[in-house]
PDB file of N, CA and C in Angstrom:
ATOM      1  N   MET A   1     136.973  88.275 116.279  1.00  0.00           N
ATOM      2  CA  MET A   1     136.842  89.336 116.538  1.00  0.00           C
ATOM      3  C   MET A   1     136.810  89.894 114.983  1.00  0.00           C
ATOM      4  N   ASN A   2     135.421  91.319 114.343  1.00  0.00           N
ATOM      5  CA  ASN A   2     135.358  91.496 113.975  1.00  0.00           C
ATOM      6  C   ASN A   2     136.292  92.462 113.504  1.00  0.00           C
ATOM      7  N   ASN A   3     137.084  92.978 112.223  1.00  0.00           N
ATOM      8  CA  ASN A   3     137.707  93.770 111.734  1.00  0.00           C
ATOM      9  C   ASN A   3     136.892  94.696 110.537  1.00  0.00           C
ATOM     10  N   PHE A   4     136.802  95.857 110.615  1.00  0.00           N
ATOM     11  CA  PHE A   4     135.933  96.680 109.905  1.00  0.00           C
ATOM     12  C   PHE A   4     136.302  97.771 109.280  1.00  0.00           C
ATOM     13  N   SER A   5     138.194  97.630 109.145  1.00  0.00           N
ATOM     14  CA  SER A   5     139.307  98.837 108.996  1.00  0.00           C
ATOM     15  C   SER A   5     138.846  99.084 107.550  1.00  0.00           C
ATOM     16  N   LEU A   6     138.473  97.764 106.539  1.00  0.00           N
ATOM     17  CA  LEU A   6     138.900  98.336 105.305  1.00  0.00           C
ATOM     18  C   LEU A   6     137.370  99.131 105.448  1.00  0.00           C
ATOM     19  N   LEU A   7     136.411  98.968 105.616  1.00  0.00           N
ATOM     20  CA  LEU A   7     134.985 100.021 106.017  1.00  0.00           C
ATOM     21  C   LEU A   7     135.107 101.704 106.237  1.00  0.00           C
ATOM     22  N   SER A   8     136.098 101.351 107.237  1.00  0.00           N
ATOM     23  CA  SER A   8     135.731 102.615 108.049  1.00  0.00           C
ATOM     24  C   SER A   8     135.927 104.232 106.710  1.00  0.00           C
ATOM     25  N   VAL A   9     135.797 104.745 106.925  1.00  0.00           N
ATOM     26  CA  VAL A   9     136.617 106.609 106.479  1.00  0.00           C
ATOM     27  C   VAL A   9     137.694 107.065 107.271  1.00  0.00           C
ATOM     28  N   SER A  10     138.691 106.752 106.094  1.00  0.00           N
ATOM     29  CA  SER A  10     139.843 107.685 106.940  1.00  0.00           C
ATOM     30  C   SER A  10     139.494 109.402 107.225  1.00  0.00           C
ATOM     31  N   GLY A  11     139.597 110.382 107.963  1.00  0.00           N
ATOM     32  CA  GLY A  11     139.232 111.313 108.162  1.00  0.00           C
ATOM     33  C   GLY A  11     139.500 112.225 107.260  1.00  0.00           C
ATOM     34  N   SER A  12     140.371 112.063 106.264  1.00  0.00           N
ATOM     35  CA  SER A  12     141.213 112.409 105.153  1.00  0.00           C
ATOM     36  C   SER A  12     139.629 112.597 104.092  1.00  0.00           C
ATOM     37  N   MET A  13     139.363 111.899 103.854  1.00  0.00           N
ATOM     38  CA  MET A  13     138.295 111.318 102.914  1.00  0.00           C
ATOM     39  C   MET A  13     137.436 111.924 103.038  1.00  0.00           C
ATOM     40  N   THR A  14     137.038 112.259 104.396  1.00  0.00           N
ATOM     41  CA  THR A  14     135.716 112.885 104.588  1.00  0.00           C
ATOM     42  C   THR A  14     135.077 113.973 103.993  1.00  0.00           C
ATOM     43  N   PRO A  15     136.134 115.239 103.889  1.00  0.00           N
ATOM     44  CA  PRO A  15     135.930 116.359 102.886  1.00  0.00           C
ATOM     45  C   PRO A  15     135.364 116.073 101.327  1.00  0.00           C
ATOM     46  N   ILE A  16     135.337 115.088 101.231  1.00  0.00           N
ATOM     47  CA  ILE A  16     135.143 114.744  99.620  1.00  0.00           C
ATOM     48  C   ILE A  16     134.347 113.739  99.597  1.00  0.00           C
ATOM     49  N   ILE A  17     134.009 113.262 100.304  1.00  0.00           N
ATOM     50  CA  ILE A  17     132.719 112.420 100.496  1.00  0.00           C
ATOM     51  C   ILE A  17     131.240 113.132 101.005  1.00  0.00           C
ATOM     52  N   ILE A  18     131.746 114.235 101.699  1.00  0.00           N
ATOM     53  CA  ILE A  18     130.738 115.285 101.462  1.00  0.00           C
ATOM     54  C   ILE A  18     130.438 115.999 100.217  1.00  0.00           C
ATOM     55  N   LEU A  19     131.152 116.430  99.797  1.00  0.00           N
ATOM     56  CA  LEU A  19     130.797 117.504  98.408  1.00  0.00           C
ATOM     57  C   LEU A  19     130.401 116.496  97.548  1.00  0.00           C
ATOM     58  N   LEU A  20     130.617 114.923  97.448  1.00  0.00           N
ATOM     59  CA  LEU A  20     130.300 114.047  96.660  1.00  0.00           C
ATOM     60  C   LEU A  20     128.897 113.751  96.601  1.00  0.00           C
ATOM     61  N   VAL A  21     128.521 113.826  98.374  1.00  0.00           N
ATOM     62  CA  VAL A  21     126.889 113.925  98.800  1.00  0.00           C
ATOM     63  C   VAL A  21     126.072 114.711  98.527  1.00  0.00           C
ATOM     64  N   ILE A  22     126.499 116.144  98.711  1.00  0.00           N
ATOM     65  CA  ILE A  22     126.205 117.274  98.037  1.00  0.00           C
ATOM     66  C   ILE A  22     125.567 117.443  96.973  1.00  0.00           C
ATOM     67  N   SER A  23     126.846 117.618  96.178  1.00  0.00           N
ATOM     68  CA  SER A  23     126.732 117.632  94.769  1.00  0.00           C
ATOM     69  C   SER A  23     125.862 116.209  94.076  1.00  0.00           C
ATOM     70  N   ASP A  24     125.899 115.198  94.598  1.00  0.00           N
ATOM     71  CA  ASP A  24     124.405 114.682  94.032  1.00  0.00           C
ATOM     72  C   ASP A  24     123.554 114.939  94.271  1.00  0.00           C
ATOM     73  N   LEU A  25     123.118 115.413  95.668  1.00  0.00           N
ATOM     74  CA  LEU A  25     121.488 115.807  95.983  1.00  0.00           C
ATOM     75  C   LEU A  25     121.389 116.461  95.342  1.00  0.00           C
ATOM     76  N   ILE A  26     122.227 117.988  94.872  1.00  0.00           N
ATOM     77  CA  ILE A  26     121.421 119.287  93.774  1.00  0.00           C
ATOM     78  C   ILE A  26     121.454 118.412  92.590  1.00  0.00           C
ATOM     79  N   LEU A  27     122.233 117.376  92.109  1.00  0.00           N
ATOM     80  CA  LEU A  27     122.361 117.496  90.766  1.00  0.00           C
ATOM     81  C   LEU A  27     120.884 116.589  91.003  1.00  0.00           C
ATOM     82  N   ARG A  28     120.292 115.516  91.102  1.00  0.00           N
ATOM     83  CA  ARG A  28     119.707 114.529  91.429  1.00  0.00           C
ATOM     84  C   ARG A  28     118.181 115.731  91.860  1.00  0.00           C
ATOM     85  N   GLY A  29     118.379 116.667  92.458  1.00  0.00           N
ATOM     86  CA  GLY A  29     117.409 117.767  92.672  1.00  0.00           C
ATOM     87  C   GLY A  29     116.692 117.960  91.398  1.00  0.00           C
ATOM     88  N   VAL A  30     118.035 119.259  90.635  1.00  0.00           N
ATOM     89  CA  VAL A  30     117.780 119.675  89.690  1.00  0.00           C
ATOM     90  C   VAL A  30     116.358 118.608  88.787  1.00  0.00           C
ATOM     91  N   SER A  31     117.622 117.697  88.595  1.00  0.00           N
ATOM     92  CA  SER A  31     116.980 116.745  87.281  1.00  0.00           C
ATOM     93  C   SER A  31     115.886 116.065  87.263  1.00  0.00           C
ATOM     94  N   LEU A  32     115.493 115.384  88.556  1.00  0.00           N
ATOM     95  CA  LEU A  32     114.072 115.284  89.045  1.00  0.00           C
ATOM     96  C   LEU A  32     112.940 116.482  89.286  1.00  0.00           C
ATOM     97  N   TYR A  33     113.127 117.701  89.027  1.00  0.00           N
ATOM     98  CA  TYR A  33     112.630 118.855  88.687  1.00  0.00           C
ATOM     99  C   TYR A  33     112.073 118.880  87.995  1.00  0.00           C
ATOM    100  N   ARG A  34     113.171 119.133  87.049  1.00  0.00           N
ATOM    101  CA  ARG A  34     113.353 119.270  85.264  1.00  0.00           C
ATOM    102  C   ARG A  34     111.912 118.709  84.918  1.00  0.00           C
ATOM    103  N   SER A  35     112.666 116.602  84.627  1.00  0.00           N
ATOM    104  CA  SER A  35     111.814 115.489  84.274  1.00  0.00           C
ATOM    105  C   SER A  35     110.351 115.536  84.640  1.00  0.00           C
ATOM    106  N   ALA A  36     110.249 116.512  86.464  1.00  0.00           N
ATOM    107  CA  ALA A  36     108.050 115.994  86.246  1.00  0.00           C
ATOM    108  C   ALA A  36     107.505 117.233  85.640  1.00  0.00           C
ATOM    109  N   GLN A  37     108.782 118.640  85.543  1.00  0.00           N
ATOM    110  CA  GLN A  37     107.941 119.912  84.863  1.00  0.00           C
ATOM    111  C   GLN A  37     107.679 119.179  83.148  1.00  0.00           C
ATOM    112  N   LYS A  38     108.922 118.468  82.979  1.00  0.00           N
ATOM    113  CA  LYS A  38     108.774 117.650  81.280  1.00  0.00           C
ATOM    114  C   LYS A  38     107.787 117.001  80.798  1.00  0.00           C
ATOM    115  N   GLY A  39     107.202 116.697  82.005  1.00  0.00           N
ATOM    116  CA  GLY A  39     105.850 115.522  81.895  1.00  0.00           C
ATOM    117  C   GLY A  39     106.947 113.947  81.836  1.00  0.00           C
ATOM    118  N   GLN A  40     108.429 113.873  82.132  1.00  0.00           N
ATOM    119  CA  GLN A  40     109.019 112.743  81.076  1.00  0.00           C
ATOM    120  C   GLN A  40     109.376 111.415  83.098  1.00  0.00           C
ATOM    121  N   THR A  41     107.962 110.715  82.652  1.00  0.00           N
ATOM    122  CA  THR A  41     107.867 109.713  84.090  1.00  0.00           C
ATOM    123  C   THR A  41     109.317 108.529  84.271  1.00  0.00           C
ATOM    124  N   VAL A  42     109.367 108.096  82.632  1.00  0.00           N
ATOM    125  CA  VAL A  42     110.280 107.488  82.527  1.00  0.00           C
ATOM    126  C   VAL A  42     112.120 107.931  83.632  1.00  0.00           C
ATOM    127  N   TRP A  43     111.939 108.966  83.090  1.00  0.00           N
ATOM    128  CA  TRP A  43     112.995 109.858  83.272  1.00  0.00           C
ATOM    129  C   TRP A  43     113.564 109.772  85.184  1.00  0.00           C
ATOM    130  N   PHE A  44     112.410 110.343  84.924  1.00  0.00           N
ATOM    131  CA  PHE A  44     112.202 110.478  86.991  1.00  0.00           C
ATOM    132  C   PHE A  44     112.439 109.051  87.871  1.00  0.00           C
ATOM    133  N   VAL A  45     111.413 107.680  86.819  1.00  0.00           N
ATOM    134  CA  VAL A  45     111.272 107.027  88.143  1.00  0.00           C
ATOM    135  C   VAL A  45     113.127 106.563  87.919  1.00  0.00           C
ATOM    136  N   ALA A  46     113.662 106.615  86.115  1.00  0.00           N
ATOM    137  CA  ALA A  46     115.434 106.058  86.640  1.00  0.00           C
ATOM    138  C   ALA A  46     115.786 106.952  87.702  1.00  0.00           C
ATOM    139  N   LEU A  47     115.905 108.264  87.265  1.00  0.00           N
ATOM    140  CA  LEU A  47     116.223 109.098  88.100  1.00  0.00           C
ATOM    141  C   LEU A  47     116.381 108.894  89.319  1.00  0.00           C
ATOM    142  N   LEU A  48     115.131 108.601  90.170  1.00  0.00           N
ATOM    143  CA  LEU A  48     114.868 107.849  91.477  1.00  0.00           C
ATOM    144  C   LEU A  48     115.131 107.141  92.416  1.00  0.00           C
ATOM    145  N   ILE A  49     115.401 105.994  91.443  1.00  0.00           N
ATOM    146  CA  ILE A  49     115.425 104.796  91.668  1.00  0.00           C
ATOM    147  C   ILE A  49     117.027 104.552  91.983  1.00  0.00           C
ATOM    148  N   ILE A  50     117.936 104.665  90.537  1.00  0.00           N
ATOM    149  CA  ILE A  50     119.601 104.383  90.363  1.00  0.00           C
ATOM    150  C   ILE A  50     120.230 105.715  91.074  1.00  0.00           C
ATOM    151  N   ASN A  51     120.852 104.697  92.137  1.00  0.00           N
ATOM    152  CA  ASN A  51     121.868 105.916  92.793  1.00  0.00           C
ATOM    153  C   ASN A  51     123.870 105.354  91.729  1.00  0.00           C
ATOM    154  N   SER A  52     123.449 106.810  91.087  1.00  0.00           N
ATOM    155  CA  SER A  52     124.948 106.315  90.065  1.00  0.00           C
ATOM    156  C   SER A  52     125.544 107.869  90.942  1.00  0.00           C
ATOM    157  N   LEU A  53     125.736 108.251  92.080  1.00  0.00           N
ATOM    158  CA  LEU A  53     126.846 109.500  92.634  1.00  0.00           C
ATOM    159  C   LEU A  53     126.960 110.525  91.318  1.00  0.00           C
ATOM    160  N   GLY A  54     125.431 110.678  90.467  1.00  0.00           N
ATOM    161  CA  GLY A  54     125.569 112.010  90.279  1.00  0.00           C
ATOM    162  C   GLY A  54     125.855 111.754  88.813  1.00  0.00           C
ATOM    163  N   VAL A  55     125.869 110.809  87.978  1.00  0.00           N
ATOM    164  CA  VAL A  55     126.646 110.184  86.746  1.00  0.00           C
ATOM    165  C   VAL A  55     125.290 110.214  85.840  1.00  0.00           C
ATOM    166  N   LEU A  56     123.942 109.588  85.937  1.00  0.00           N
ATOM    167  CA  LEU A  56     122.872 109.050  85.042  1.00  0.00           C
ATOM    168  C   LEU A  56     122.244 111.016  85.124  1.00  0.00           C
ATOM    169  N   PRO A  57     122.006 111.843  87.006  1.00  0.00           N
ATOM    170  CA  PRO A  57     121.645 113.172  86.288  1.00  0.00           C
ATOM    171  C   PRO A  57     121.690 114.130  85.658  1.00  0.00           C
ATOM    172  N   ILE A  58     123.999 113.906  85.165  1.00  0.00           N
ATOM    173  CA  ILE A  58     124.995 114.722  84.527  1.00  0.00           C
ATOM    174  C   ILE A  58     123.869 113.926  83.189  1.00  0.00           C
ATOM    175  N   ILE A  59     123.704 112.604  83.210  1.00  0.00           N
ATOM    176  CA  ILE A  59     123.616 112.596  81.545  1.00  0.00           C
ATOM    177  C   ILE A  59     121.842 113.299  80.817  1.00  0.00           C
ATOM    178  N   TYR A  60     120.792 112.905  82.026  1.00  0.00           N
ATOM    179  CA  TYR A  60     119.847 113.773  82.065  1.00  0.00           C
ATOM    180  C   TYR A  60     120.219 114.660  81.843  1.00  0.00           C
ATOM    181  N   LEU A  61     120.435 116.162  82.413  1.00  0.00           N
ATOM    182  CA  LEU A  61     120.690 117.290  82.270  1.00  0.00           C
ATOM    183  C   LEU A  61     121.168 117.486  81.127  1.00  0.00           C
ATOM    184  N   LEU A  62     122.261 116.951  80.828  1.00  0.00           N
ATOM    185  CA  LEU A  62     122.980 117.335  79.265  1.00  0.00           C
ATOM    186  C   LEU A  62     122.237 117.153  77.942  1.00  0.00           C
ATOM    187  N   ILE A  63     121.652 115.580  77.915  1.00  0.00           N
ATOM    188  CA  ILE A  63     120.758 115.500  77.006  1.00  0.00           C
ATOM    189  C   ILE A  63     119.640 116.277  76.668  1.00  0.00           C
ATOM    190  N   ASN A  64     118.546 116.339  78.149  1.00  0.00           N
ATOM    191  CA  ASN A  64     117.761 117.776  77.741  1.00  0.00           C
ATOM    192  C   ASN A  64     117.793 119.275  78.426  1.00  0.00           C
ATOM    193  N   LYS A  65     119.006 119.121  77.964  1.00  0.00           N
ATOM    194  CA  LYS A  65     119.323 120.971  78.121  1.00  0.00           C
ATOM    195  C   LYS A  65     118.720 121.749  77.236  1.00  0.00           C
ATOM    196  N   ASP A  66     118.025 123.314  78.051  1.00  0.00           N
ATOM    197  CA  ASP A  66     116.924 124.298  77.158  1.00  0.00           C
ATOM    198  C   ASP A  66     117.833 124.328  76.165  1.00  0.00           C
ATOM    199  N   ILE A  67     116.975 124.616  75.352  1.00  0.00           N
ATOM    200  CA  ILE A  67     117.519 125.293  73.585  1.00  0.00           C
ATOM    201  C   ILE A  67     117.196 126.471  73.494  1.00  0.00           C
ATOM    202  N   ARG A  68     116.686 127.239  74.699  1.00  0.00           N
ATOM    203  CA  ARG A  68     115.619 128.136  74.450  1.00  0.00           C
ATOM    204  C   ARG A  68     116.355 129.254  74.041  1.00  0.00           C
ATOM    205  N   LEU A  69     117.425 129.625  74.717  1.00  0.00           N
ATOM    206  CA  LEU A  69     118.451 130.774  74.740  1.00  0.00           C
ATOM    207  C   LEU A  69     119.560 131.027  73.390  1.00  0.00           C
ATOM    208  N   SER A  70     119.033 130.240  72.557  1.00  0.00           N
ATOM    209  CA  SER A  70     120.232 130.055  70.953  1.00  0.00           C
ATOM    210  C   SER A  70     118.386 130.035  70.278  1.00  0.00           C
ATOM    211  N   LYS A  71     117.577 129.906  70.672  1.00  0.00           N
ATOM    212  CA  LYS A  71     116.275 129.959  70.402  1.00  0.00           C
ATOM    213  C   LYS A  71     116.226 131.691  69.877  1.00  0.00           C
ATOM    214  N   GLN A  72     116.245 131.752  71.028  1.00  0.00           N
ATOM    215  CA  GLN A  72     115.548 133.221  71.224  1.00  0.00           C
ATOM    216  C   GLN A  72     116.652 134.063  70.654  1.00  0.00           C
ATOM    217  N   ALA A  73     117.946 134.200  70.543  1.00  0.00           N
ATOM    218  CA  ALA A  73     118.626 135.007  69.850  1.00  0.00           C
ATOM    219  C   ALA A  73     118.473 134.978  68.112  1.00  0.00           C
ATOM    220  N   SER A  74     117.620 133.761  67.942  1.00  0.00           N
ATOM    221  CA  SER A  74     118.048 133.291  66.225  1.00  0.00           C
ATOM    222  C   SER A  74     116.407 134.154  65.329  1.00  0.00           C
ATOM    223  N   ALA A  75     115.328 133.788  66.814  1.00  0.00           N
ATOM    224  CA  ALA A  75     114.434 134.538  66.234  1.00  0.00           C
ATOM    225  C   ALA A  75     114.050 136.066  66.109  1.00  0.00           C
ATOM    226  N   PRO A  76     113.310 136.331  65.204  1.00  0.00           N
ATOM    227  CA  PRO A  76     112.805 137.482  65.421  1.00  0.00           C
ATOM    228  C   PRO A  76     112.337 138.055  66.129  1.00  0.00           C
ATOM    229  N   ARG A  77     112.676 139.506  66.142  1.00  0.00           N
ATOM    230  CA  ARG A  77     111.462 140.179  67.868  1.00  0.00           C
ATOM    231  C   ARG A  77     110.208 140.908  67.354  1.00  0.00           C
ATOM    232  N   LYS A  78     109.886 141.325  67.785  1.00  0.00           N
ATOM    233  CA  LYS A  78     108.045 141.977  67.249  1.00  0.00           C
ATOM    234  C   LYS A  78     108.382 143.072  67.562  1.00  0.00           C
ATOM    235  N   VAL A  79     107.795 143.654  66.787  1.00  0.00           N
ATOM    236  CA  VAL A  79     107.657 145.191  67.288  1.00  0.00           C
ATOM    237  C   VAL A  79     106.551 146.125  67.511  1.00  0.00           C
ATOM    238  N   ALA A  80     106.408 146.495  68.768  1.00  0.00           N
ATOM    239  CA  ALA A  80     105.334 146.495  68.785  1.00  0.00           C
ATOM    240  C   ALA A  80     104.429 148.324  68.357  1.00  0.00           C
ATOM    241  N   ALA A  81     103.662 148.491  67.697  1.00  0.00           N
ATOM    242  CA  ALA A  81     102.529 149.004  67.278  1.00  0.00           C
ATOM    243  C   ALA A  81     103.451 150.501  67.888  1.00  0.00           C
ATOM    244  N   LYS A  82     103.645 151.378  66.850  1.00  0.00           N
ATOM    245  CA  LYS A  82     104.182 152.654  67.789  1.00  0.00           C
ATOM    246  C   LYS A  82     102.695 153.756  67.750  1.00  0.00           C
ATOM    247  N   THR A  83     102.383 154.749  68.905  1.00  0.00           N
ATOM    248  CA  THR A  83     101.373 155.015  68.893  1.00  0.00           C
ATOM    249  C   THR A  83     101.919 156.647  68.734  1.00  0.00           C
ATOM    250  N   THR A  84     101.119 157.208  67.626  1.00  0.00           N
ATOM    251  CA  THR A  84     101.559 158.503  67.817  1.00  0.00           C
ATOM    252  C   THR A  84     101.257 159.654  69.164  1.00  0.00           C
ATOM    253  N   LYS A  85     102.270 160.251  68.860  1.00  0.00           N
ATOM    254  CA  LYS A  85     101.938 161.413  69.754  1.00  0.00           C
ATOM    255  C   LYS A  85     100.642 162.649  69.584  1.00  0.00           C
ATOM    256  N   ARG A  86     100.349 162.924  70.537  1.00  0.00           N
ATOM    257  CA  ARG A  86      99.697 164.509  71.170  1.00  0.00           C
ATOM    258  C   ARG A  86     100.124 165.293  70.536  1.00  0.00           C
ATOM    259  N   SER A  87      99.928 166.027  69.801  1.00  0.00           N
ATOM    260  CA  SER A  87     100.546 167.389  69.327  1.00  0.00           C
ATOM    261  C   SER A  87     100.412 168.691  70.946  1.00  0.00           C
ATOM    262  N   ARG A  88     101.358 168.826  71.295  1.00  0.00           N
ATOM    263  CA  ARG A  88     101.467 170.344  72.768  1.00  0.00           C
ATOM    264  C   ARG A  88     100.820 171.869  71.708  1.00  0.00           C
ATOM    265  N   ARG A  89      99.393 171.848  72.958  1.00  0.00           N
ATOM    266  CA  ARG A  89      99.484 173.102  71.956  1.00  0.00           C
ATOM    267  C   ARG A  89     100.176 174.116  73.257  1.00  0.00           C
TER     268      ARG A  89
END
């Protein structure tokens, strides 16, 4: 007689598992997309192969976060040349 009771998931754990799977898919998708856009093949392969329940994608996203927002705030804005208005007659 086979007893698989240790391997079965109880009904109360089902929502937690569904939430973990959905969050893992979202994190994995975002991190794979960003690594492909940046041409980081080592990260792409590692994220694709290693199943870490979201830990590796979170590490990747934290390490490679975009810092454009802080650079834009400190960079001086270019001022467009003012055009002279024609005088009204």
